[in-house]
Amino acid sequence: MVRGLTVLCWAVATPGLLWAAVRLLGVERGPLVQLLAFTPYVAGWSLLPVALSLALRRWWPAGVAAVAAVALIAVVAPRAFGGGSPAGGGAPRSAC
């Protein structure tokens, strides 16, 4: 039973870790580019393995899941909390 809970924690933490690795390393190719559009949802979901592992007192899976969650949130946060629109730097429009 104890080993099964540990395996469960690792099984739930691994997808978030792989997603973060693909996102941070920039190895997305082909259909992965479209799939990575769901990174904000995965970032929110990545907190679940942390909570589960901490609740079950599985410290290594909790640590790995926390690293993945922080990495994914760090990737998403600039878009969510970014500043306003950038200042335009183009040539002025001529009157017609």
N, C-alpha and C. Protein backbone atom coordinates (compact mmCIF):
# COMPACT_ATOMS: atom_id res chain seq x y z
N MET A 1 0.82 -1.20 0.00
CA MET A 1 0.00 0.00 0.00
C MET A 1 0.86 1.26 0.00
N VAL A 2 1.89 1.28 0.84
CA VAL A 2 2.76 2.45 0.92
C VAL A 2 3.49 2.67 -0.40
N ARG A 3 3.99 1.59 -0.97
CA ARG A 3 4.70 1.71 -2.24
C ARG A 3 3.76 2.18 -3.35
N GLY A 4 2.52 1.72 -3.31
CA GLY A 4 1.54 2.13 -4.31
C GLY A 4 1.25 3.62 -4.25
N LEU A 5 1.22 4.20 -3.06
CA LEU A 5 0.99 5.64 -2.92
C LEU A 5 2.18 6.44 -3.45
N THR A 6 3.37 5.91 -3.23
CA THR A 6 4.56 6.57 -3.76
C THR A 6 4.55 6.54 -5.28
N VAL A 7 4.20 5.40 -5.85
CA VAL A 7 4.12 5.28 -7.31
C VAL A 7 3.05 6.23 -7.85
N LEU A 8 1.93 6.34 -7.15
CA LEU A 8 0.87 7.26 -7.56
C LEU A 8 1.38 8.70 -7.57
N CYS A 9 2.10 9.09 -6.55
CA CYS A 9 2.63 10.46 -6.49
C CYS A 9 3.57 10.73 -7.65
N TRP A 10 4.46 9.77 -7.94
CA TRP A 10 5.38 9.96 -9.07
C TRP A 10 4.62 9.98 -10.40
N ALA A 11 3.60 9.14 -10.52
CA ALA A 11 2.82 9.09 -11.77
C ALA A 11 2.08 10.39 -12.01
N VAL A 12 1.64 11.04 -10.96
CA VAL A 12 0.91 12.30 -11.12
C VAL A 12 1.89 13.46 -11.32
N ALA A 13 3.09 13.38 -10.75
CA ALA A 13 4.06 14.47 -10.87
C ALA A 13 4.82 14.46 -12.19
N THR A 14 4.99 13.30 -12.79
CA THR A 14 5.81 13.17 -14.00
C THR A 14 5.29 13.95 -15.21
N PRO A 15 4.01 13.95 -15.53
CA PRO A 15 3.56 14.71 -16.70
C PRO A 15 3.87 16.21 -16.61
N GLY A 16 3.67 16.78 -15.44
CA GLY A 16 3.99 18.20 -15.27
C GLY A 16 5.47 18.47 -15.44
N LEU A 17 6.30 17.56 -14.94
CA LEU A 17 7.74 17.71 -15.09
C LEU A 17 8.15 17.62 -16.55
N LEU A 18 7.58 16.67 -17.28
CA LEU A 18 7.89 16.54 -18.70
C LEU A 18 7.41 17.76 -19.49
N TRP A 19 6.23 18.25 -19.14
CA TRP A 19 5.69 19.43 -19.83
C TRP A 19 6.61 20.64 -19.60
N ALA A 20 7.05 20.82 -18.36
CA ALA A 20 7.94 21.93 -18.04
C ALA A 20 9.27 21.79 -18.78
N ALA A 21 9.78 20.56 -18.87
CA ALA A 21 11.04 20.34 -19.57
C ALA A 21 10.92 20.68 -21.05
N VAL A 22 9.84 20.22 -21.68
CA VAL A 22 9.63 20.54 -23.10
C VAL A 22 9.48 22.05 -23.29
N ARG A 23 8.74 22.68 -22.41
CA ARG A 23 8.48 24.12 -22.52
C ARG A 23 9.74 24.94 -22.30
N LEU A 24 10.54 24.57 -21.30
CA LEU A 24 11.74 25.33 -20.98
C LEU A 24 12.89 25.08 -21.94
N LEU A 25 13.00 23.86 -22.43
CA LEU A 25 14.11 23.52 -23.33
C LEU A 25 13.83 23.91 -24.78
N GLY A 26 12.58 24.22 -25.10
CA GLY A 26 12.24 24.64 -26.46
C GLY A 26 12.36 23.53 -27.48
N VAL A 27 12.04 22.32 -27.11
CA VAL A 27 12.17 21.19 -28.04
C VAL A 27 10.85 20.84 -28.71
N GLU A 28 9.87 21.74 -28.62
CA GLU A 28 8.58 21.44 -29.24
C GLU A 28 8.71 21.52 -30.76
N ARG A 29 8.19 20.52 -31.39
CA ARG A 29 8.21 20.44 -32.85
C ARG A 29 6.87 19.86 -33.30
N GLY A 30 6.44 20.23 -34.47
CA GLY A 30 5.22 19.66 -35.05
C GLY A 30 3.99 19.92 -34.20
N PRO A 31 3.25 18.86 -33.87
CA PRO A 31 2.00 19.05 -33.12
C PRO A 31 2.23 19.51 -31.68
N LEU A 32 3.45 19.39 -31.18
CA LEU A 32 3.70 19.87 -29.81
C LEU A 32 3.55 21.37 -29.69
N VAL A 33 3.76 22.09 -30.77
CA VAL A 33 3.62 23.54 -30.73
C VAL A 33 2.19 23.92 -30.36
N GLN A 34 1.22 23.29 -31.00
CA GLN A 34 -0.18 23.58 -30.70
C GLN A 34 -0.55 23.07 -29.30
N LEU A 35 0.00 21.96 -28.92
CA LEU A 35 -0.30 21.38 -27.62
C LEU A 35 0.19 22.28 -26.48
N LEU A 36 1.30 22.96 -26.69
CA LEU A 36 1.84 23.82 -25.64
C LEU A 36 1.02 25.09 -25.43
N ALA A 37 0.01 25.31 -26.25
CA ALA A 37 -0.91 26.41 -25.99
C ALA A 37 -1.70 26.17 -24.71
N PHE A 38 -1.74 24.95 -24.24
CA PHE A 38 -2.46 24.62 -23.01
C PHE A 38 -1.58 24.75 -21.76
N THR A 39 -0.41 25.34 -21.89
CA THR A 39 0.50 25.50 -20.76
C THR A 39 -0.14 26.23 -19.59
N PRO A 40 -0.94 27.28 -19.78
CA PRO A 40 -1.56 27.91 -18.60
C PRO A 40 -2.45 26.96 -17.80
N TYR A 41 -3.15 26.07 -18.49
CA TYR A 41 -4.00 25.10 -17.79
C TYR A 41 -3.16 24.06 -17.06
N VAL A 42 -2.08 23.64 -17.70
CA VAL A 42 -1.18 22.67 -17.07
C VAL A 42 -0.49 23.31 -15.86
N ALA A 43 -0.18 24.60 -15.95
CA ALA A 43 0.44 25.29 -14.82
C ALA A 43 -0.51 25.28 -13.62
N GLY A 44 -1.77 25.51 -13.84
CA GLY A 44 -2.74 25.44 -12.75
C GLY A 44 -2.89 24.03 -12.23
N TRP A 45 -2.92 23.06 -13.11
CA TRP A 45 -3.05 21.66 -12.73
C TRP A 45 -1.81 21.17 -11.98
N SER A 46 -0.67 21.77 -12.26
CA SER A 46 0.58 21.27 -11.68
C SER A 46 0.64 21.46 -10.16
N LEU A 47 -0.27 22.23 -9.60
CA LEU A 47 -0.31 22.37 -8.15
C LEU A 47 -0.94 21.15 -7.48
N LEU A 48 -1.75 20.40 -8.22
CA LEU A 48 -2.40 19.22 -7.67
C LEU A 48 -1.40 18.14 -7.23
N PRO A 49 -0.40 17.79 -8.04
CA PRO A 49 0.57 16.79 -7.58
C PRO A 49 1.36 17.25 -6.35
N VAL A 50 1.61 18.54 -6.25
CA VAL A 50 2.31 19.06 -5.07
C VAL A 50 1.44 18.82 -3.83
N ALA A 51 0.18 19.21 -3.92
CA ALA A 51 -0.72 19.04 -2.77
C ALA A 51 -0.90 17.57 -2.42
N LEU A 52 -1.07 16.72 -3.42
CA LEU A 52 -1.25 15.30 -3.17
C LEU A 52 -0.02 14.69 -2.50
N SER A 53 1.14 15.01 -3.02
CA SER A 53 2.38 14.44 -2.47
C SER A 53 2.64 14.95 -1.06
N LEU A 54 2.35 16.21 -0.81
CA LEU A 54 2.53 16.74 0.54
C LEU A 54 1.53 16.11 1.51
N ALA A 55 0.31 15.91 1.06
CA ALA A 55 -0.70 15.30 1.92
C ALA A 55 -0.33 13.86 2.27
N LEU A 56 0.31 13.17 1.34
CA LEU A 56 0.72 11.79 1.59
C LEU A 56 2.13 11.69 2.16
N ARG A 57 2.76 12.83 2.39
CA ARG A 57 4.12 12.90 2.96
C ARG A 57 5.15 12.17 2.12
N ARG A 58 5.07 12.39 0.83
CA ARG A 58 6.05 11.85 -0.10
C ARG A 58 6.90 13.04 -0.53
N TRP A 59 8.03 13.23 0.13
CA TRP A 59 8.79 14.47 -0.01
C TRP A 59 9.48 14.60 -1.36
N TRP A 60 10.07 13.55 -1.89
CA TRP A 60 10.76 13.65 -3.17
C TRP A 60 9.78 13.95 -4.32
N PRO A 61 8.68 13.22 -4.43
CA PRO A 61 7.73 13.59 -5.49
C PRO A 61 7.17 15.00 -5.29
N ALA A 62 6.98 15.40 -4.03
CA ALA A 62 6.48 16.76 -3.76
C ALA A 62 7.48 17.80 -4.22
N GLY A 63 8.75 17.56 -3.97
CA GLY A 63 9.79 18.50 -4.40
C GLY A 63 9.90 18.60 -5.90
N VAL A 64 9.86 17.46 -6.56
CA VAL A 64 9.94 17.45 -8.03
C VAL A 64 8.71 18.14 -8.62
N ALA A 65 7.54 17.84 -8.08
CA ALA A 65 6.31 18.46 -8.56
C ALA A 65 6.32 19.97 -8.30
N ALA A 66 6.89 20.38 -7.18
CA ALA A 66 6.97 21.81 -6.88
C ALA A 66 7.90 22.53 -7.85
N VAL A 67 9.01 21.91 -8.19
CA VAL A 67 9.93 22.51 -9.18
C VAL A 67 9.23 22.66 -10.52
N ALA A 68 8.50 21.63 -10.94
CA ALA A 68 7.77 21.70 -12.20
C ALA A 68 6.69 22.78 -12.14
N ALA A 69 5.98 22.88 -11.02
CA ALA A 69 4.92 23.88 -10.88
C ALA A 69 5.50 25.29 -10.93
N VAL A 70 6.60 25.51 -10.24
CA VAL A 70 7.22 26.84 -10.24
C VAL A 70 7.71 27.19 -11.65
N ALA A 71 8.30 26.23 -12.33
CA ALA A 71 8.77 26.48 -13.70
C ALA A 71 7.62 26.83 -14.63
N LEU A 72 6.52 26.09 -14.54
CA LEU A 72 5.38 26.36 -15.42
C LEU A 72 4.72 27.69 -15.08
N ILE A 73 4.60 27.98 -13.81
CA ILE A 73 4.00 29.27 -13.41
C ILE A 73 4.90 30.42 -13.82
N ALA A 74 6.22 30.23 -13.74
CA ALA A 74 7.15 31.28 -14.18
C ALA A 74 7.05 31.53 -15.67
N VAL A 75 6.72 30.50 -16.43
CA VAL A 75 6.57 30.68 -17.88
C VAL A 75 5.27 31.41 -18.21
N VAL A 76 4.23 31.15 -17.43
CA VAL A 76 2.92 31.72 -17.71
C VAL A 76 2.75 33.11 -17.10
N ALA A 77 3.37 33.37 -15.97
CA ALA A 77 3.15 34.62 -15.23
C ALA A 77 3.42 35.89 -16.04
N PRO A 78 4.48 35.97 -16.82
CA PRO A 78 4.69 37.21 -17.58
C PRO A 78 3.53 37.55 -18.54
N ARG A 79 2.89 36.55 -19.08
CA ARG A 79 1.75 36.81 -19.97
C ARG A 79 0.52 37.20 -19.18
N ALA A 80 0.36 36.61 -18.00
CA ALA A 80 -0.82 36.89 -17.18
C ALA A 80 -0.74 38.24 -16.51
N PHE A 81 0.46 38.63 -16.08
CA PHE A 81 0.62 39.86 -15.32
C PHE A 81 1.50 40.87 -16.03
N GLY A 82 1.68 40.71 -17.32
CA GLY A 82 2.55 41.61 -18.07
C GLY A 82 2.03 43.03 -18.09
N GLY A 83 2.89 43.95 -18.47
CA GLY A 83 2.51 45.34 -18.56
C GLY A 83 1.54 45.59 -19.69
N GLY A 84 1.27 46.83 -19.93
CA GLY A 84 0.35 47.20 -21.01
C GLY A 84 0.96 46.89 -22.37
N SER A 85 0.33 47.39 -23.37
CA SER A 85 0.84 47.15 -24.71
C SER A 85 2.12 47.93 -24.92
N PRO A 86 3.02 47.41 -25.71
CA PRO A 86 4.30 48.09 -25.94
C PRO A 86 4.09 49.37 -26.75
N ALA A 87 4.98 50.29 -26.53
CA ALA A 87 4.89 51.56 -27.26
C ALA A 87 5.19 51.31 -28.74
N GLY A 88 4.42 51.98 -29.57
CA GLY A 88 4.62 51.83 -31.01
C GLY A 88 5.89 52.53 -31.45
N GLY A 89 6.62 51.91 -32.32
CA GLY A 89 7.85 52.51 -32.77
C GLY A 89 7.91 52.65 -34.28
N GLY A 90 6.76 52.52 -34.93
CA GLY A 90 6.75 52.58 -36.38
C GLY A 90 6.74 54.02 -36.90
N ALA A 91 6.77 54.13 -38.18
CA ALA A 91 6.76 55.44 -38.83
C ALA A 91 5.35 56.04 -38.69
N PRO A 92 5.28 57.37 -38.57
CA PRO A 92 3.95 58.00 -38.46
C PRO A 92 3.16 57.82 -39.74
N ARG A 93 1.84 57.72 -39.58
CA ARG A 93 0.97 57.55 -40.74
C ARG A 93 0.80 58.89 -41.45
N SER A 94 0.81 58.86 -42.73
CA SER A 94 0.59 60.09 -43.50
C SER A 94 -0.91 60.29 -43.72
N ALA A 95 -1.31 61.54 -43.73
CA ALA A 95 -2.72 61.86 -43.96
C ALA A 95 -3.06 61.65 -45.42
N CYS A 96 -4.18 61.07 -45.70
CA CYS A 96 -4.59 60.81 -47.07
C CYS A 96 -5.50 61.90 -47.56
